[in-house]
Amino acid sequence: MKRAISDLFATIQAINKKYATPALKTNKPTKIALLFLRIYLLLLVGLLFFKLFMTIKQG
């Protein structure tokens, strides 16, 4: 069991190492646009959880 878990972690580390550096070069406006999209996504997820908690609270 311990061997299987260590193999799994080794596989995950190998995948993370392979994709650590992006394959595509992006310019500054693209990076800014992606940053705004990430912020927007986090905002939407936050609103979703807020709505969920408010719905649960109201019963």
C-alpha atoms as a PDB file:
ATOM      1  CA  MET A   1       0.000   0.000   0.000  1.00  0.00           C
ATOM      2  CA  LYS A   2       2.805   2.376   0.928  1.00  0.00           C
ATOM      3  CA  ARG A   3       4.600   1.554  -2.328  1.00  0.00           C
ATOM      4  CA  ALA A   4       1.481   2.330  -4.387  1.00  0.00           C
ATOM      5  CA  ILE A   5       1.060   5.723  -2.704  1.00  0.00           C
ATOM      6  CA  SER A   6       4.717   6.631  -3.230  1.00  0.00           C
ATOM      7  CA  ASP A   7       4.452   5.614  -6.899  1.00  0.00           C
ATOM      8  CA  LEU A   8       1.367   7.798  -7.254  1.00  0.00           C
ATOM      9  CA  PHE A   9       3.179  10.784  -5.768  1.00  0.00           C
ATOM     10  CA  ALA A  10       6.183  10.156  -8.017  1.00  0.00           C
ATOM     11  CA  THR A  11       3.901  10.134 -11.060  1.00  0.00           C
ATOM     12  CA  ILE A  12       2.252  13.381  -9.979  1.00  0.00           C
ATOM     13  CA  GLN A  13       5.651  15.004  -9.419  1.00  0.00           C
ATOM     14  CA  ALA A  14       6.812  13.915 -12.882  1.00  0.00           C
ATOM     15  CA  ILE A  15       3.700  15.410 -14.489  1.00  0.00           C
ATOM     16  CA  ASN A  16       4.101  18.657 -12.541  1.00  0.00           C
ATOM     17  CA  LYS A  17       7.758  18.884 -13.550  1.00  0.00           C
ATOM     18  CA  LYS A  18       6.894  18.318 -17.218  1.00  0.00           C
ATOM     19  CA  TYR A  19       4.296  21.094 -17.291  1.00  0.00           C
ATOM     20  CA  ALA A  20       6.042  23.544 -14.929  1.00  0.00           C
ATOM     21  CA  THR A  21       7.068  25.827 -17.772  1.00  0.00           C
ATOM     22  CA  PRO A  22       4.452  26.839 -20.332  1.00  0.00           C
ATOM     23  CA  ALA A  23       4.949  25.666 -23.904  1.00  0.00           C
ATOM     24  CA  LEU A  24       3.555  28.875 -25.392  1.00  0.00           C
ATOM     25  CA  LYS A  25       4.997  32.362 -25.126  1.00  0.00           C
ATOM     26  CA  THR A  26       2.432  34.978 -24.120  1.00  0.00           C
ATOM     27  CA  ASN A  27       2.692  38.722 -24.334  1.00  0.00           C
ATOM     28  CA  LYS A  28       1.808  41.154 -21.558  1.00  0.00           C
ATOM     29  CA  PRO A  29      -1.770  41.981 -22.693  1.00  0.00           C
ATOM     30  CA  THR A  30      -2.579  38.263 -22.836  1.00  0.00           C
ATOM     31  CA  LYS A  31      -1.248  37.726 -19.324  1.00  0.00           C
ATOM     32  CA  ILE A  32      -3.310  40.670 -18.057  1.00  0.00           C
ATOM     33  CA  ALA A  33      -6.440  39.316 -19.752  1.00  0.00           C
ATOM     34  CA  LEU A  34      -5.880  35.882 -18.202  1.00  0.00           C
ATOM     35  CA  LEU A  35      -5.394  37.489 -14.791  1.00  0.00           C
ATOM     36  CA  PHE A  36      -8.719  39.323 -15.104  1.00  0.00           C
ATOM     37  CA  LEU A  37     -10.404  36.094 -16.177  1.00  0.00           C
ATOM     38  CA  ARG A  38      -9.035  34.315 -13.104  1.00  0.00           C
ATOM     39  CA  ILE A  39     -10.289  37.104 -10.848  1.00  0.00           C
ATOM     40  CA  TYR A  40     -13.696  36.994 -12.553  1.00  0.00           C
ATOM     41  CA  LEU A  41     -13.876  33.214 -12.106  1.00  0.00           C
ATOM     42  CA  LEU A  42     -13.023  33.507  -8.401  1.00  0.00           C
ATOM     43  CA  LEU A  43     -15.677  36.196  -8.026  1.00  0.00           C
ATOM     44  CA  LEU A  44     -18.305  33.986  -9.660  1.00  0.00           C
ATOM     45  CA  VAL A  45     -17.382  31.002  -7.490  1.00  0.00           C
ATOM     46  CA  GLY A  46     -17.519  33.242  -4.412  1.00  0.00           C
ATOM     47  CA  LEU A  47     -20.977  34.477  -5.375  1.00  0.00           C
ATOM     48  CA  LEU A  48     -22.092  30.904  -5.946  1.00  0.00           C
ATOM     49  CA  PHE A  49     -20.990  29.868  -2.461  1.00  0.00           C
ATOM     50  CA  PHE A  50     -22.537  33.011  -0.966  1.00  0.00           C
ATOM     51  CA  LYS A  51     -25.864  32.178  -2.627  1.00  0.00           C
ATOM     52  CA  LEU A  52     -25.591  28.580  -1.407  1.00  0.00           C
ATOM     53  CA  PHE A  53     -24.952  29.626   2.182  1.00  0.00           C
ATOM     54  CA  MET A  54     -27.754  32.206   2.112  1.00  0.00           C
ATOM     55  CA  THR A  55     -30.158  29.596   0.747  1.00  0.00           C
ATOM     56  CA  ILE A  56     -29.135  27.101   3.431  1.00  0.00           C
ATOM     57  CA  LYS A  57     -29.429  29.766   6.135  1.00  0.00           C
ATOM     58  CA  GLN A  58     -32.980  30.664   5.086  1.00  0.00           C
ATOM     59  CA  GLY A  59     -33.972  27.034   5.224  1.00  0.00           C
END
